[in-house]
């Protein structure tokens, strides 16, 4: 089966692009987590932290001032403005 892949993009560059175990984001209606085989979703993001856990188990955090997320077919694309 296909891994969950996450790409985080700012107006300047791609800051993350790799397979992940999970992604947690600050959604407009509350924080939520995306795992492999998540249902398709588009969401507005608010100010907060994006948490990414890689396939190897390491955690990374990214500041988010605002943004948009799309998840479909095990690909998470996050467009953000950094704080």
C-alpha atoms as a PDB file:
ATOM      1  CA  UNK A   1       0.000   0.000   0.000  1.00  0.00           C
ATOM      2  CA  UNK A   2       0.987   3.583  -0.615  1.00  0.00           C
ATOM      3  CA  UNK A   3       2.485   5.674   2.224  1.00  0.00           C
ATOM      4  CA  UNK A   4       0.989   8.966   3.364  1.00  0.00           C
ATOM      5  CA  UNK A   5       3.044  11.708   1.721  1.00  0.00           C
ATOM      6  CA  UNK A   6       3.200  15.278   3.047  1.00  0.00           C
ATOM      7  CA  UNK A   7       4.296  18.423   1.253  1.00  0.00           C
ATOM      8  CA  UNK A   8       4.391  21.778   3.090  1.00  0.00           C
ATOM      9  CA  UNK A   9       4.799  24.833   0.868  1.00  0.00           C
ATOM     10  CA  UNK A  10       5.316  28.513   1.743  1.00  0.00           C
ATOM     11  CA  UNK A  11       5.148  31.378  -0.772  1.00  0.00           C
ATOM     12  CA  UNK A  12       8.955  31.171  -0.943  1.00  0.00           C
ATOM     13  CA  UNK A  13       9.762  27.433  -1.080  1.00  0.00           C
ATOM     14  CA  UNK A  14       8.871  23.849  -0.247  1.00  0.00           C
ATOM     15  CA  UNK A  15       9.860  23.346   3.409  1.00  0.00           C
ATOM     16  CA  UNK A  16       8.890  19.678   3.786  1.00  0.00           C
ATOM     17  CA  UNK A  17       8.382  16.879   1.255  1.00  0.00           C
ATOM     18  CA  UNK A  18       8.490  13.271   2.479  1.00  0.00           C
ATOM     19  CA  UNK A  19       6.487  10.194   3.480  1.00  0.00           C
ATOM     20  CA  UNK A  20       5.030  10.526   6.996  1.00  0.00           C
ATOM     21  CA  UNK A  21       3.315   8.507   9.697  1.00  0.00           C
ATOM     22  CA  UNK A  22       0.915  11.314  10.583  1.00  0.00           C
ATOM     23  CA  UNK A  23       0.302  15.055  10.310  1.00  0.00           C
ATOM     24  CA  UNK A  24      -1.521  17.192  12.907  1.00  0.00           C
ATOM     25  CA  UNK A  25      -2.730  20.649  11.856  1.00  0.00           C
ATOM     26  CA  UNK A  26      -4.526  23.644  13.422  1.00  0.00           C
ATOM     27  CA  UNK A  27      -7.826  23.556  11.535  1.00  0.00           C
ATOM     28  CA  UNK A  28     -10.339  26.393  11.540  1.00  0.00           C
ATOM     29  CA  UNK A  29     -12.733  24.248  13.611  1.00  0.00           C
ATOM     30  CA  UNK A  30     -10.038  22.683  15.791  1.00  0.00           C
ATOM     31  CA  UNK A  31      -6.857  20.683  15.619  1.00  0.00           C
ATOM     32  CA  UNK A  32      -7.041  17.416  13.664  1.00  0.00           C
ATOM     33  CA  UNK A  33      -4.745  14.588  12.590  1.00  0.00           C
ATOM     34  CA  UNK A  34      -4.360  12.945   9.207  1.00  0.00           C
ATOM     35  CA  UNK A  35      -3.276   9.321   8.921  1.00  0.00           C
ATOM     36  CA  UNK A  36      -2.772   6.986   5.976  1.00  0.00           C
ATOM     37  CA  UNK A  37      -5.999   6.406   3.982  1.00  0.00           C
ATOM     38  CA  UNK A  38      -7.701   9.529   5.400  1.00  0.00           C
ATOM     39  CA  UNK A  39     -10.879  10.535   3.599  1.00  0.00           C
ATOM     40  CA  UNK A  40     -10.451  13.360   1.072  1.00  0.00           C
ATOM     41  CA  UNK A  41     -10.564  16.752   2.790  1.00  0.00           C
ATOM     42  CA  UNK A  42      -9.914  20.432   2.132  1.00  0.00           C
ATOM     43  CA  UNK A  43      -9.543  22.655   5.202  1.00  0.00           C
ATOM     44  CA  UNK A  44      -8.613  26.203   6.173  1.00  0.00           C
ATOM     45  CA  UNK A  45      -5.776  26.407   8.699  1.00  0.00           C
ATOM     46  CA  UNK A  46      -5.393  28.999  11.441  1.00  0.00           C
ATOM     47  CA  UNK A  47      -2.402  30.170  13.455  1.00  0.00           C
ATOM     48  CA  UNK A  48      -0.659  27.352  15.292  1.00  0.00           C
ATOM     49  CA  UNK A  49       1.837  24.533  14.857  1.00  0.00           C
ATOM     50  CA  UNK A  50       1.870  21.799  12.241  1.00  0.00           C
ATOM     51  CA  UNK A  51       3.224  18.571  13.716  1.00  0.00           C
ATOM     52  CA  UNK A  52       4.735  15.967  11.404  1.00  0.00           C
ATOM     53  CA  UNK A  53       5.860  12.527  12.535  1.00  0.00           C
ATOM     54  CA  UNK A  54       8.066  10.900   9.914  1.00  0.00           C
ATOM     55  CA  UNK A  55       8.018   7.230   8.953  1.00  0.00           C
ATOM     56  CA  UNK A  56      11.072   6.778  11.219  1.00  0.00           C
ATOM     57  CA  UNK A  57       9.267   8.311  14.208  1.00  0.00           C
ATOM     58  CA  UNK A  58      11.046  11.678  14.374  1.00  0.00           C
ATOM     59  CA  UNK A  59       8.875  14.745  15.065  1.00  0.00           C
ATOM     60  CA  UNK A  60       9.087  18.122  13.346  1.00  0.00           C
ATOM     61  CA  UNK A  61       7.055  21.267  13.982  1.00  0.00           C
ATOM     62  CA  UNK A  62       6.299  24.084  11.551  1.00  0.00           C
ATOM     63  CA  UNK A  63       4.821  27.480  12.433  1.00  0.00           C
ATOM     64  CA  UNK A  64       1.635  28.347  10.591  1.00  0.00           C
ATOM     65  CA  UNK A  65       0.055  31.808  10.528  1.00  0.00           C
ATOM     66  CA  UNK A  66      -2.679  30.731   8.095  1.00  0.00           C
ATOM     67  CA  UNK A  67      -3.090  28.300   5.264  1.00  0.00           C
ATOM     68  CA  UNK A  68      -5.015  25.689   3.330  1.00  0.00           C
ATOM     69  CA  UNK A  69      -4.738  21.898   3.388  1.00  0.00           C
ATOM     70  CA  UNK A  70      -5.820  19.314   0.849  1.00  0.00           C
ATOM     71  CA  UNK A  71      -5.628  15.564   1.412  1.00  0.00           C
ATOM     72  CA  UNK A  72      -6.508  13.051  -1.291  1.00  0.00           C
ATOM     73  CA  UNK A  73      -5.160   9.625  -2.261  1.00  0.00           C
ATOM     74  CA  UNK A  74      -2.607   9.588   0.595  1.00  0.00           C
ATOM     75  CA  UNK A  75      -1.106  12.940  -0.433  1.00  0.00           C
ATOM     76  CA  UNK A  76      -1.327  15.866   1.981  1.00  0.00           C
ATOM     77  CA  UNK A  77      -0.530  19.269   0.466  1.00  0.00           C
ATOM     78  CA  UNK A  78      -0.315  22.183   2.916  1.00  0.00           C
ATOM     79  CA  UNK A  79       0.045  25.772   1.694  1.00  0.00           C
ATOM     80  CA  UNK A  80       0.978  28.088   4.558  1.00  0.00           C
ATOM     81  CA  UNK A  81       2.080  31.559   5.565  1.00  0.00           C
ATOM     82  CA  UNK A  82       4.696  31.159   8.276  1.00  0.00           C
ATOM     83  CA  UNK A  83       4.458  33.110  11.528  1.00  0.00           C
END
